[in-house]
N, C-alpha and C. Protein backbone atom coordinates (compact mmCIF):
# COMPACT_ATOMS: atom_id res chain seq x y z
N ARG A 1 101.33 -40.99 -17.81
CA ARG A 1 100.03 -41.65 -17.78
C ARG A 1 99.77 -42.29 -16.41
N LYS A 2 100.82 -42.84 -15.81
CA LYS A 2 100.66 -43.51 -14.51
C LYS A 2 100.18 -42.52 -13.44
N GLN A 3 100.75 -41.30 -13.43
CA GLN A 3 100.33 -40.31 -12.45
C GLN A 3 98.87 -39.92 -12.66
N ILE A 4 98.44 -39.78 -13.90
CA ILE A 4 97.05 -39.43 -14.18
C ILE A 4 96.13 -40.51 -13.64
N ASP A 5 96.45 -41.79 -13.90
CA ASP A 5 95.64 -42.89 -13.40
C ASP A 5 95.56 -42.88 -11.87
N LEU A 6 96.69 -42.61 -11.24
CA LEU A 6 96.71 -42.61 -9.78
C LEU A 6 95.90 -41.44 -9.21
N LEU A 7 96.03 -40.27 -9.81
CA LEU A 7 95.29 -39.11 -9.33
C LEU A 7 93.80 -39.27 -9.52
N THR A 8 93.39 -39.94 -10.59
CA THR A 8 91.96 -40.12 -10.81
C THR A 8 91.37 -41.16 -9.86
N SER A 9 92.21 -41.81 -9.07
CA SER A 9 91.71 -42.78 -8.09
C SER A 9 91.29 -42.11 -6.78
N LEU A 10 91.35 -40.77 -6.72
CA LEU A 10 90.90 -40.06 -5.53
C LEU A 10 89.40 -40.27 -5.34
N THR A 11 88.99 -40.50 -4.09
CA THR A 11 87.57 -40.60 -3.77
C THR A 11 87.30 -39.69 -2.58
N TYR A 12 86.05 -39.35 -2.36
CA TYR A 12 85.71 -38.48 -1.25
C TYR A 12 84.45 -38.98 -0.57
N LYS A 13 84.31 -38.57 0.68
CA LYS A 13 83.13 -38.91 1.45
C LYS A 13 82.88 -37.81 2.46
N PRO A 14 81.70 -37.21 2.43
CA PRO A 14 81.37 -36.27 3.50
C PRO A 14 81.22 -37.06 4.81
N ILE A 15 81.99 -36.71 5.83
CA ILE A 15 81.91 -37.46 7.09
C ILE A 15 81.15 -36.69 8.16
N ARG A 16 80.92 -35.42 7.91
CA ARG A 16 80.12 -34.62 8.84
C ARG A 16 79.45 -33.54 8.03
N PHE A 17 78.16 -33.39 8.20
CA PHE A 17 77.40 -32.37 7.48
C PHE A 17 76.34 -31.89 8.43
N LYS A 18 76.47 -30.69 8.90
CA LYS A 18 75.63 -30.22 10.01
C LYS A 18 75.12 -28.81 9.73
N LEU A 19 73.83 -28.64 9.94
CA LEU A 19 73.24 -27.31 9.94
C LEU A 19 73.46 -26.77 11.35
N SER A 20 74.45 -25.91 11.51
CA SER A 20 74.85 -25.43 12.83
C SER A 20 73.95 -24.34 13.36
N LYS A 21 73.44 -23.52 12.44
CA LYS A 21 72.57 -22.42 12.87
C LYS A 21 71.60 -22.09 11.75
N LEU A 22 70.36 -21.90 12.12
CA LEU A 22 69.34 -21.50 11.16
C LEU A 22 68.48 -20.44 11.83
N SER A 23 68.60 -19.21 11.33
CA SER A 23 67.80 -18.12 11.88
C SER A 23 67.51 -17.14 10.76
N GLY A 24 66.69 -16.17 11.05
CA GLY A 24 66.38 -15.15 10.05
C GLY A 24 67.58 -14.28 9.72
N ALA A 25 68.52 -14.20 10.65
CA ALA A 25 69.68 -13.34 10.46
C ALA A 25 70.87 -14.07 9.84
N GLU A 26 70.99 -15.37 10.14
CA GLU A 26 72.21 -16.06 9.69
C GLU A 26 71.98 -17.57 9.65
N THR A 27 72.55 -18.19 8.65
CA THR A 27 72.53 -19.65 8.54
C THR A 27 73.97 -20.10 8.39
N ILE A 28 74.32 -21.15 9.15
CA ILE A 28 75.68 -21.69 9.09
C ILE A 28 75.60 -23.18 8.79
N ILE A 29 76.32 -23.60 7.76
CA ILE A 29 76.44 -25.01 7.42
C ILE A 29 77.92 -25.38 7.57
N ASP A 30 78.19 -26.39 8.39
CA ASP A 30 79.54 -26.92 8.56
C ASP A 30 79.59 -28.31 7.97
N PHE A 31 80.67 -28.62 7.27
CA PHE A 31 80.85 -30.01 6.89
C PHE A 31 82.32 -30.34 6.73
N THR A 32 82.58 -31.62 6.90
CA THR A 32 83.94 -32.13 6.76
C THR A 32 83.94 -33.12 5.62
N LEU A 33 84.85 -32.92 4.73
CA LEU A 33 85.01 -33.76 3.56
C LEU A 33 86.30 -34.56 3.72
N ARG A 34 86.20 -35.88 3.62
CA ARG A 34 87.39 -36.74 3.70
C ARG A 34 87.74 -37.16 2.28
N ILE A 35 88.96 -36.88 1.87
CA ILE A 35 89.43 -37.25 0.53
C ILE A 35 90.48 -38.35 0.68
N TYR A 36 90.22 -39.48 0.02
CA TYR A 36 91.09 -40.64 0.07
C TYR A 36 91.91 -40.72 -1.21
N SER A 37 93.11 -41.26 -1.09
CA SER A 37 93.95 -41.50 -2.26
C SER A 37 94.48 -42.93 -2.22
N LYS A 38 94.30 -43.64 -3.33
CA LYS A 38 94.87 -44.98 -3.47
C LYS A 38 96.26 -44.91 -4.11
N SER A 39 96.63 -43.72 -4.47
CA SER A 39 97.88 -43.49 -5.20
C SER A 39 99.11 -43.73 -4.32
N THR A 40 100.18 -44.12 -4.95
CA THR A 40 101.47 -44.24 -4.25
C THR A 40 102.22 -42.91 -4.29
N ILE A 41 101.57 -41.90 -4.87
CA ILE A 41 102.16 -40.56 -4.99
C ILE A 41 101.32 -39.58 -4.18
N GLU A 42 101.99 -38.77 -3.38
CA GLU A 42 101.28 -37.72 -2.63
C GLU A 42 100.60 -36.77 -3.60
N ALA A 43 99.41 -36.32 -3.24
CA ALA A 43 98.67 -35.37 -4.08
C ALA A 43 98.37 -34.13 -3.26
N ARG A 44 98.10 -33.05 -3.95
CA ARG A 44 97.76 -31.80 -3.28
C ARG A 44 96.49 -31.24 -3.91
N ILE A 45 95.47 -30.99 -3.06
CA ILE A 45 94.26 -30.31 -3.51
C ILE A 45 94.58 -28.82 -3.48
N THR A 46 94.49 -28.17 -4.62
CA THR A 46 94.87 -26.76 -4.70
C THR A 46 93.68 -25.82 -4.75
N ASP A 47 92.47 -26.36 -4.94
CA ASP A 47 91.30 -25.50 -5.05
C ASP A 47 90.04 -26.35 -4.88
N LEU A 48 89.07 -25.83 -4.16
CA LEU A 48 87.73 -26.41 -4.08
C LEU A 48 86.75 -25.28 -4.37
N ASN A 49 85.79 -25.54 -5.25
CA ASN A 49 84.78 -24.56 -5.58
C ASN A 49 83.44 -25.28 -5.62
N LEU A 50 82.60 -25.02 -4.61
CA LEU A 50 81.36 -25.76 -4.46
C LEU A 50 80.17 -24.80 -4.37
N ASP A 51 79.10 -25.11 -5.07
CA ASP A 51 77.86 -24.36 -4.98
C ASP A 51 76.87 -25.15 -4.13
N VAL A 52 76.16 -24.46 -3.25
CA VAL A 52 75.18 -25.07 -2.37
C VAL A 52 73.79 -24.66 -2.84
N PHE A 53 72.91 -25.66 -3.04
CA PHE A 53 71.55 -25.43 -3.51
C PHE A 53 70.57 -25.95 -2.47
N LEU A 54 69.49 -25.22 -2.26
CA LEU A 54 68.39 -25.65 -1.42
C LEU A 54 67.15 -25.73 -2.29
N ASN A 55 66.63 -26.93 -2.46
CA ASN A 55 65.48 -27.17 -3.34
C ASN A 55 65.67 -26.51 -4.70
N GLY A 56 66.86 -26.65 -5.25
CA GLY A 56 67.16 -26.15 -6.58
C GLY A 56 67.53 -24.69 -6.67
N ILE A 57 67.53 -23.97 -5.54
CA ILE A 57 67.88 -22.54 -5.54
C ILE A 57 69.28 -22.39 -4.96
N LYS A 58 70.16 -21.77 -5.72
CA LYS A 58 71.54 -21.57 -5.24
C LYS A 58 71.52 -20.62 -4.05
N ILE A 59 72.07 -21.08 -2.92
CA ILE A 59 72.07 -20.26 -1.72
C ILE A 59 73.46 -19.86 -1.26
N ALA A 60 74.50 -20.54 -1.75
CA ALA A 60 75.85 -20.20 -1.28
C ALA A 60 76.90 -20.79 -2.20
N ASN A 61 78.09 -20.28 -2.06
CA ASN A 61 79.27 -20.80 -2.75
C ASN A 61 80.37 -20.97 -1.71
N ILE A 62 81.05 -22.09 -1.77
CA ILE A 62 82.15 -22.36 -0.86
C ILE A 62 83.41 -22.45 -1.70
N LYS A 63 84.39 -21.65 -1.34
CA LYS A 63 85.68 -21.70 -2.03
C LYS A 63 86.76 -21.89 -0.99
N ASP A 64 87.66 -22.81 -1.26
CA ASP A 64 88.80 -23.03 -0.39
C ASP A 64 90.01 -23.20 -1.29
N VAL A 65 90.96 -22.31 -1.15
CA VAL A 65 92.13 -22.37 -2.01
C VAL A 65 93.41 -22.66 -1.22
N ASP A 66 93.28 -22.91 0.08
CA ASP A 66 94.46 -23.31 0.85
C ASP A 66 94.84 -24.72 0.43
N PRO A 67 96.10 -24.94 0.06
CA PRO A 67 96.51 -26.29 -0.37
C PRO A 67 96.32 -27.33 0.74
N ILE A 68 95.85 -28.49 0.35
CA ILE A 68 95.62 -29.60 1.27
C ILE A 68 96.40 -30.79 0.74
N ILE A 69 97.22 -31.37 1.57
CA ILE A 69 98.02 -32.52 1.18
C ILE A 69 97.24 -33.81 1.44
N ILE A 70 97.16 -34.65 0.42
CA ILE A 70 96.59 -35.99 0.56
C ILE A 70 97.77 -36.96 0.50
N PRO A 71 98.09 -37.61 1.62
CA PRO A 71 99.25 -38.50 1.61
C PRO A 71 99.05 -39.70 0.69
N ALA A 72 100.15 -40.25 0.22
CA ALA A 72 100.10 -41.46 -0.59
C ALA A 72 99.39 -42.55 0.20
N LYS A 73 98.44 -43.21 -0.44
CA LYS A 73 97.65 -44.29 0.18
C LYS A 73 97.06 -43.87 1.52
N GLY A 74 96.58 -42.64 1.59
CA GLY A 74 96.01 -42.13 2.83
C GLY A 74 94.84 -41.22 2.56
N TYR A 75 94.53 -40.37 3.54
CA TYR A 75 93.42 -39.44 3.40
C TYR A 75 93.69 -38.18 4.20
N SER A 76 92.95 -37.14 3.87
CA SER A 76 92.95 -35.89 4.63
C SER A 76 91.52 -35.43 4.78
N ASP A 77 91.25 -34.79 5.92
CA ASP A 77 89.94 -34.21 6.18
C ASP A 77 90.00 -32.71 5.94
N ILE A 78 88.99 -32.19 5.27
CA ILE A 78 88.89 -30.76 4.98
C ILE A 78 87.64 -30.24 5.67
N ASP A 79 87.81 -29.31 6.60
CA ASP A 79 86.68 -28.68 7.28
C ASP A 79 86.25 -27.45 6.51
N LEU A 80 84.97 -27.41 6.15
CA LEU A 80 84.43 -26.30 5.37
C LEU A 80 83.23 -25.71 6.11
N LYS A 81 83.05 -24.42 5.93
CA LYS A 81 81.92 -23.73 6.56
C LYS A 81 81.41 -22.69 5.58
N THR A 82 80.10 -22.60 5.50
CA THR A 82 79.51 -21.52 4.73
C THR A 82 78.51 -20.80 5.62
N ILE A 83 78.59 -19.49 5.61
CA ILE A 83 77.71 -18.64 6.41
C ILE A 83 77.01 -17.69 5.44
N PHE A 84 75.71 -17.61 5.56
CA PHE A 84 74.98 -16.67 4.72
C PHE A 84 73.74 -16.20 5.45
N SER A 85 73.25 -15.06 5.04
CA SER A 85 72.01 -14.53 5.61
C SER A 85 70.98 -14.45 4.51
N PRO A 86 69.70 -14.45 4.87
CA PRO A 86 68.68 -14.32 3.83
C PRO A 86 68.87 -13.08 2.97
N ASP A 87 69.38 -12.00 3.56
CA ASP A 87 69.62 -10.78 2.78
C ASP A 87 70.68 -11.01 1.70
N ASP A 88 71.67 -11.88 2.00
CA ASP A 88 72.72 -12.17 1.02
C ASP A 88 72.16 -12.87 -0.22
N LEU A 89 71.09 -13.61 -0.03
CA LEU A 89 70.58 -14.42 -1.13
C LEU A 89 70.00 -13.58 -2.26
N LYS A 90 69.46 -12.40 -1.91
CA LYS A 90 68.81 -11.56 -2.91
C LYS A 90 67.75 -12.35 -3.68
N LEU A 91 67.10 -13.23 -2.96
CA LEU A 91 66.04 -14.04 -3.52
C LEU A 91 64.79 -13.82 -2.68
N ASN A 92 63.72 -14.30 -3.16
CA ASN A 92 62.50 -14.22 -2.39
C ASN A 92 62.52 -15.33 -1.34
N VAL A 93 62.86 -14.98 -0.10
CA VAL A 93 62.97 -15.94 0.98
C VAL A 93 61.63 -16.64 1.23
N VAL A 94 60.54 -15.95 0.92
CA VAL A 94 59.22 -16.56 1.08
C VAL A 94 59.10 -17.78 0.17
N ASN A 95 59.62 -17.67 -1.06
CA ASN A 95 59.56 -18.81 -1.99
C ASN A 95 60.37 -20.00 -1.46
N ILE A 96 61.53 -19.73 -0.84
CA ILE A 96 62.32 -20.81 -0.26
C ILE A 96 61.54 -21.46 0.87
N GLY A 97 60.95 -20.65 1.74
CA GLY A 97 60.16 -21.17 2.85
C GLY A 97 58.99 -21.99 2.36
N LYS A 98 58.28 -21.49 1.36
CA LYS A 98 57.14 -22.21 0.80
C LYS A 98 57.60 -23.54 0.21
N SER A 99 58.73 -23.52 -0.47
CA SER A 99 59.28 -24.74 -1.06
C SER A 99 59.57 -25.77 0.02
N LEU A 100 60.12 -25.32 1.16
CA LEU A 100 60.42 -26.23 2.27
C LEU A 100 59.13 -26.81 2.86
N ILE A 101 58.13 -25.95 3.02
CA ILE A 101 56.86 -26.41 3.60
C ILE A 101 56.17 -27.39 2.66
N ASP A 102 56.15 -27.07 1.37
CA ASP A 102 55.49 -27.95 0.39
C ASP A 102 56.17 -29.31 0.35
N ALA A 103 57.49 -29.32 0.45
CA ALA A 103 58.24 -30.58 0.36
C ALA A 103 58.32 -31.28 1.71
N LYS A 104 57.97 -30.59 2.79
CA LYS A 104 58.06 -31.08 4.16
C LYS A 104 59.51 -31.35 4.57
N ASP A 105 60.43 -30.94 3.78
CA ASP A 105 61.86 -31.06 4.06
C ASP A 105 62.56 -30.30 2.94
N GLY A 106 63.83 -30.08 3.07
CA GLY A 106 64.57 -29.39 2.03
C GLY A 106 65.68 -30.26 1.49
N VAL A 107 65.82 -30.29 0.17
CA VAL A 107 66.90 -31.03 -0.46
C VAL A 107 68.10 -30.10 -0.59
N VAL A 108 69.21 -30.50 0.00
CA VAL A 108 70.45 -29.73 -0.09
C VAL A 108 71.38 -30.47 -1.04
N LEU A 109 71.82 -29.77 -2.06
CA LEU A 109 72.72 -30.34 -3.05
C LEU A 109 73.98 -29.48 -3.12
N ILE A 110 75.12 -30.13 -3.09
CA ILE A 110 76.38 -29.43 -3.25
C ILE A 110 77.06 -29.99 -4.50
N ASN A 111 77.31 -29.11 -5.44
CA ASN A 111 77.97 -29.48 -6.69
C ASN A 111 79.17 -28.59 -6.90
N GLY A 112 80.20 -29.13 -7.50
CA GLY A 112 81.35 -28.31 -7.82
C GLY A 112 82.52 -29.16 -8.26
N TYR A 113 83.70 -28.64 -7.97
CA TYR A 113 84.91 -29.34 -8.40
C TYR A 113 86.06 -29.02 -7.45
N GLY A 114 87.05 -29.86 -7.55
CA GLY A 114 88.31 -29.62 -6.86
C GLY A 114 89.43 -29.76 -7.87
N LYS A 115 90.53 -29.12 -7.60
CA LYS A 115 91.71 -29.26 -8.45
C LYS A 115 92.79 -29.98 -7.65
N VAL A 116 93.42 -30.95 -8.28
CA VAL A 116 94.43 -31.75 -7.61
C VAL A 116 95.67 -31.80 -8.49
N GLN A 117 96.83 -31.89 -7.83
CA GLN A 117 98.07 -32.01 -8.59
C GLN A 117 99.04 -32.91 -7.86
N SER A 118 99.92 -33.52 -8.65
CA SER A 118 101.06 -34.25 -8.11
C SER A 118 102.29 -33.56 -8.66
N ALA A 119 103.37 -34.26 -8.70
CA ALA A 119 104.63 -33.63 -9.14
C ALA A 119 104.51 -32.95 -10.50
N PHE A 120 103.90 -33.63 -11.48
CA PHE A 120 103.88 -33.09 -12.84
C PHE A 120 102.48 -32.94 -13.44
N VAL A 121 101.48 -33.45 -12.78
CA VAL A 121 100.15 -33.51 -13.38
C VAL A 121 99.16 -32.70 -12.56
N LYS A 122 98.29 -31.96 -13.26
CA LYS A 122 97.19 -31.23 -12.62
C LYS A 122 95.89 -31.72 -13.24
N LEU A 123 94.90 -31.99 -12.38
CA LEU A 123 93.60 -32.47 -12.84
C LEU A 123 92.49 -31.78 -12.08
N GLN A 124 91.30 -31.84 -12.63
CA GLN A 124 90.11 -31.34 -11.94
C GLN A 124 89.19 -32.53 -11.71
N PHE A 125 88.60 -32.63 -10.50
CA PHE A 125 87.68 -33.72 -10.24
C PHE A 125 86.32 -33.15 -9.83
N PRO A 126 85.24 -33.82 -10.25
CA PRO A 126 83.90 -33.33 -9.92
C PRO A 126 83.52 -33.70 -8.48
N PHE A 127 82.64 -32.90 -7.90
CA PHE A 127 82.12 -33.17 -6.57
C PHE A 127 80.62 -33.00 -6.60
N SER A 128 79.90 -33.95 -6.01
CA SER A 128 78.45 -33.83 -5.89
C SER A 128 78.01 -34.59 -4.64
N TYR A 129 77.17 -33.96 -3.83
CA TYR A 129 76.65 -34.58 -2.61
C TYR A 129 75.25 -34.04 -2.36
N GLN A 130 74.34 -34.94 -2.00
CA GLN A 130 72.97 -34.53 -1.72
C GLN A 130 72.55 -35.05 -0.35
N THR A 131 71.85 -34.20 0.40
CA THR A 131 71.31 -34.55 1.70
C THR A 131 70.01 -33.78 1.89
N SER A 132 69.49 -33.79 3.10
CA SER A 132 68.25 -33.05 3.38
C SER A 132 68.43 -32.21 4.64
N ILE A 133 67.56 -31.23 4.81
CA ILE A 133 67.59 -30.41 6.03
C ILE A 133 67.39 -31.32 7.24
N ARG A 134 66.45 -32.25 7.15
CA ARG A 134 66.18 -33.16 8.26
C ARG A 134 67.44 -33.94 8.63
N GLU A 135 68.15 -34.48 7.65
CA GLU A 135 69.39 -35.23 7.91
C GLU A 135 70.44 -34.33 8.57
N MET A 136 70.54 -33.10 8.08
CA MET A 136 71.55 -32.19 8.62
C MET A 136 71.27 -31.85 10.08
N ILE A 137 70.01 -31.71 10.43
CA ILE A 137 69.65 -31.37 11.80
C ILE A 137 69.88 -32.54 12.73
N THR A 138 69.60 -33.75 12.25
CA THR A 138 69.67 -34.93 13.12
C THR A 138 70.98 -35.69 13.02
N SER A 139 71.85 -35.33 12.08
CA SER A 139 73.09 -36.10 11.93
C SER A 139 74.02 -35.86 13.11
N PRO A 140 74.68 -36.93 13.56
CA PRO A 140 75.60 -36.77 14.69
C PRO A 140 76.85 -36.03 14.27
N THR A 141 77.44 -35.32 15.20
CA THR A 141 78.70 -34.66 14.94
C THR A 141 79.80 -35.67 15.22
N THR A 142 80.72 -35.82 14.26
CA THR A 142 81.83 -36.76 14.45
C THR A 142 83.11 -36.03 14.66
């Protein structure tokens, strides 16, 4: 029970979220996720599965299955990148554009989960983060 309590004390914070490229041929979103642990036990993130939505339309999926060590009472940064082209979306790109124009900005939502384990316990934790196209373009790179 103690390990479960400690593992559920994991918290996360996006520390960098940047729209690196936006063109008709390719869009690149880079972000860094910092995961903190209050636990006295080292944890390992074994899987991240995140869906990226633009104004409610799913535009990408980010999967990272390389194990990431979160030190006891410490943190680790995870650099993630998603690259997609309008052709990959198989959606009506005009509708996405119209949605952006109507809203005068775009709401970017990332939802998903990560899997974490310690010596004997494996858990899944939810992930959710919301930002805007305007924020992504103007946010400083750290």
